[in-house]
């Protein structure tokens, strides 16, 4: 089992979750975070820390493409273990539907 970062992380990229992760399984893209499914120990401590409610266990119902997106990009984006400020318009973008099609960016973030 693992946890998955979903679409609502795009253009929010709150990093409260990375600060509490005991195994440092978060990876940073330019516009969102990803969880490496082979590294996540399914502890769930990240879930309540996400202001965007963009992290769910893989046992919940969601579009399965998000598990593939997390796996793919966590393999190429840099690891992030420390909290950073969210993106500039995070609060305004939180909850905006259809962010993947319009705003997803596969470019890596800065990492730690």
C-alpha atoms as a PDB file:
ATOM      1  CA  UNK A   1       0.000   0.000   0.000  1.00  0.00           C
ATOM      2  CA  UNK A   2       1.016   3.564  -0.590  1.00  0.00           C
ATOM      3  CA  UNK A   3      -0.315   7.081  -0.619  1.00  0.00           C
ATOM      4  CA  UNK A   4      -0.854   9.128  -3.754  1.00  0.00           C
ATOM      5  CA  UNK A   5      -0.663  12.849  -4.513  1.00  0.00           C
ATOM      6  CA  UNK A   6      -3.672  13.919  -6.595  1.00  0.00           C
ATOM      7  CA  UNK A   7      -4.496  16.735  -9.012  1.00  0.00           C
ATOM      8  CA  UNK A   8      -5.359  19.321  -6.370  1.00  0.00           C
ATOM      9  CA  UNK A   9      -1.658  19.599  -5.488  1.00  0.00           C
ATOM     10  CA  UNK A  10      -1.021  21.238  -8.874  1.00  0.00           C
ATOM     11  CA  UNK A  11      -0.310  24.957  -8.450  1.00  0.00           C
ATOM     12  CA  UNK A  12      -0.679  24.682  -4.687  1.00  0.00           C
ATOM     13  CA  UNK A  13       2.350  22.570  -3.766  1.00  0.00           C
ATOM     14  CA  UNK A  14       1.986  22.969  -0.038  1.00  0.00           C
ATOM     15  CA  UNK A  15       4.934  21.143   1.504  1.00  0.00           C
ATOM     16  CA  UNK A  16       3.661  20.603   5.035  1.00  0.00           C
ATOM     17  CA  UNK A  17       3.511  16.883   4.163  1.00  0.00           C
ATOM     18  CA  UNK A  18       7.210  16.472   3.399  1.00  0.00           C
ATOM     19  CA  UNK A  19       8.206  17.779   6.800  1.00  0.00           C
ATOM     20  CA  UNK A  20       6.436  14.930   8.622  1.00  0.00           C
ATOM     21  CA  UNK A  21       7.312  12.048   6.270  1.00  0.00           C
ATOM     22  CA  UNK A  22       9.506   9.565   8.179  1.00  0.00           C
ATOM     23  CA  UNK A  23      10.920   7.979   4.999  1.00  0.00           C
ATOM     24  CA  UNK A  24      11.392  11.067   2.777  1.00  0.00           C
ATOM     25  CA  UNK A  25       9.349   9.646  -0.112  1.00  0.00           C
ATOM     26  CA  UNK A  26       8.230  12.998  -1.579  1.00  0.00           C
ATOM     27  CA  UNK A  27       9.623  14.351  -4.826  1.00  0.00           C
ATOM     28  CA  UNK A  28       9.265  17.882  -6.148  1.00  0.00           C
ATOM     29  CA  UNK A  29       8.051  18.935  -9.550  1.00  0.00           C
ATOM     30  CA  UNK A  30       7.778  22.523 -10.658  1.00  0.00           C
ATOM     31  CA  UNK A  31       4.021  22.632 -10.013  1.00  0.00           C
ATOM     32  CA  UNK A  32       3.288  19.693  -7.676  1.00  0.00           C
ATOM     33  CA  UNK A  33       4.709  16.962  -5.466  1.00  0.00           C
ATOM     34  CA  UNK A  34       4.746  13.200  -5.986  1.00  0.00           C
ATOM     35  CA  UNK A  35       5.077  10.236  -3.633  1.00  0.00           C
ATOM     36  CA  UNK A  36       7.314   7.359  -4.660  1.00  0.00           C
ATOM     37  CA  UNK A  37       5.051   4.319  -4.210  1.00  0.00           C
ATOM     38  CA  UNK A  38       7.962   1.949  -3.558  1.00  0.00           C
ATOM     39  CA  UNK A  39       9.272   4.144  -0.733  1.00  0.00           C
ATOM     40  CA  UNK A  40       6.016   5.085   1.014  1.00  0.00           C
ATOM     41  CA  UNK A  41       5.391   2.971   4.113  1.00  0.00           C
ATOM     42  CA  UNK A  42       1.694   3.857   4.236  1.00  0.00           C
ATOM     43  CA  UNK A  43       1.905   5.510   7.651  1.00  0.00           C
ATOM     44  CA  UNK A  44      -0.543   8.248   6.657  1.00  0.00           C
ATOM     45  CA  UNK A  45       1.025  11.075   8.672  1.00  0.00           C
ATOM     46  CA  UNK A  46       1.139  13.242   5.541  1.00  0.00           C
ATOM     47  CA  UNK A  47      -2.615  13.118   4.877  1.00  0.00           C
ATOM     48  CA  UNK A  48      -3.840  15.483   7.634  1.00  0.00           C
ATOM     49  CA  UNK A  49      -0.925  17.854   6.967  1.00  0.00           C
ATOM     50  CA  UNK A  50      -2.021  18.631   3.385  1.00  0.00           C
ATOM     51  CA  UNK A  51      -4.110  21.840   3.318  1.00  0.00           C
ATOM     52  CA  UNK A  52      -5.268  20.954  -0.220  1.00  0.00           C
ATOM     53  CA  UNK A  53      -6.427  17.471   0.818  1.00  0.00           C
ATOM     54  CA  UNK A  54      -4.467  16.182  -2.184  1.00  0.00           C
ATOM     55  CA  UNK A  55      -3.032  13.029  -0.590  1.00  0.00           C
ATOM     56  CA  UNK A  56      -5.015   9.798  -0.328  1.00  0.00           C
ATOM     57  CA  UNK A  57      -4.250   6.139   0.362  1.00  0.00           C
ATOM     58  CA  UNK A  58      -4.203   3.999  -2.775  1.00  0.00           C
ATOM     59  CA  UNK A  59      -7.101   2.015  -1.325  1.00  0.00           C
ATOM     60  CA  UNK A  60      -9.456   4.993  -1.851  1.00  0.00           C
ATOM     61  CA  UNK A  61     -11.324   5.628  -5.062  1.00  0.00           C
ATOM     62  CA  UNK A  62      -9.497   7.994  -7.437  1.00  0.00           C
ATOM     63  CA  UNK A  63      -8.430   8.045 -11.065  1.00  0.00           C
ATOM     64  CA  UNK A  64      -5.681   5.368 -11.218  1.00  0.00           C
ATOM     65  CA  UNK A  65      -3.643   7.513 -13.588  1.00  0.00           C
ATOM     66  CA  UNK A  66      -2.456   9.395 -10.486  1.00  0.00           C
ATOM     67  CA  UNK A  67      -0.615   6.346  -9.173  1.00  0.00           C
ATOM     68  CA  UNK A  68       1.233   6.151 -12.507  1.00  0.00           C
ATOM     69  CA  UNK A  69       1.975   9.896 -12.458  1.00  0.00           C
ATOM     70  CA  UNK A  70       3.383   9.633  -8.932  1.00  0.00           C
ATOM     71  CA  UNK A  71       5.527   6.624  -9.867  1.00  0.00           C
ATOM     72  CA  UNK A  72       6.813   8.178 -13.092  1.00  0.00           C
ATOM     73  CA  UNK A  73       7.738  11.584 -11.747  1.00  0.00           C
ATOM     74  CA  UNK A  74       9.009  10.494  -8.331  1.00  0.00           C
ATOM     75  CA  UNK A  75      11.602   8.546 -10.302  1.00  0.00           C
ATOM     76  CA  UNK A  76      12.947  11.675 -12.024  1.00  0.00           C
ATOM     77  CA  UNK A  77      12.138  14.657  -9.814  1.00  0.00           C
ATOM     78  CA  UNK A  78      14.453  15.621  -6.920  1.00  0.00           C
ATOM     79  CA  UNK A  79      13.716  14.504  -3.382  1.00  0.00           C
ATOM     80  CA  UNK A  80      12.231  17.092  -1.022  1.00  0.00           C
ATOM     81  CA  UNK A  81      12.396  16.704   2.755  1.00  0.00           C
ATOM     82  CA  UNK A  82      11.960  20.226   4.063  1.00  0.00           C
ATOM     83  CA  UNK A  83       8.973  22.533   4.131  1.00  0.00           C
ATOM     84  CA  UNK A  84       9.029  25.418   1.656  1.00  0.00           C
ATOM     85  CA  UNK A  85       6.533  28.203   1.021  1.00  0.00           C
ATOM     86  CA  UNK A  86       3.614  27.136  -1.205  1.00  0.00           C
ATOM     87  CA  UNK A  87       3.288  28.513  -4.714  1.00  0.00           C
ATOM     88  CA  UNK A  88       2.207  32.162  -4.929  1.00  0.00           C
ATOM     89  CA  UNK A  89      -1.439  31.501  -5.844  1.00  0.00           C
ATOM     90  CA  UNK A  90      -1.831  28.311  -3.797  1.00  0.00           C
ATOM     91  CA  UNK A  91      -4.800  29.451  -1.741  1.00  0.00           C
ATOM     92  CA  UNK A  92      -6.626  30.755  -4.825  1.00  0.00           C
ATOM     93  CA  UNK A  93      -5.911  27.570  -6.822  1.00  0.00           C
ATOM     94  CA  UNK A  94      -6.865  25.171  -4.027  1.00  0.00           C
ATOM     95  CA  UNK A  95      -9.944  23.283  -5.171  1.00  0.00           C
ATOM     96  CA  UNK A  96      -9.843  24.479  -8.776  1.00  0.00           C
ATOM     97  CA  UNK A  97     -11.043  21.630 -11.027  1.00  0.00           C
ATOM     98  CA  UNK A  98      -9.276  20.529 -14.218  1.00  0.00           C
ATOM     99  CA  UNK A  99      -5.802  21.623 -13.188  1.00  0.00           C
ATOM    100  CA  UNK A 100      -4.025  18.662 -14.794  1.00  0.00           C
ATOM    101  CA  UNK A 101      -5.028  19.493 -18.357  1.00  0.00           C
ATOM    102  CA  UNK A 102      -4.246  23.179 -18.035  1.00  0.00           C
ATOM    103  CA  UNK A 103      -1.437  23.492 -15.512  1.00  0.00           C
ATOM    104  CA  UNK A 104       0.486  20.229 -15.044  1.00  0.00           C
ATOM    105  CA  UNK A 105       4.183  20.661 -15.744  1.00  0.00           C
ATOM    106  CA  UNK A 106       6.588  17.721 -15.857  1.00  0.00           C
ATOM    107  CA  UNK A 107       9.643  19.883 -15.147  1.00  0.00           C
ATOM    108  CA  UNK A 108      11.485  19.067 -11.909  1.00  0.00           C
ATOM    109  CA  UNK A 109      11.403  21.365  -8.931  1.00  0.00           C
ATOM    110  CA  UNK A 110      14.451  22.468  -6.972  1.00  0.00           C
ATOM    111  CA  UNK A 111      14.351  19.744  -4.304  1.00  0.00           C
ATOM    112  CA  UNK A 112      16.204  20.343  -1.063  1.00  0.00           C
END
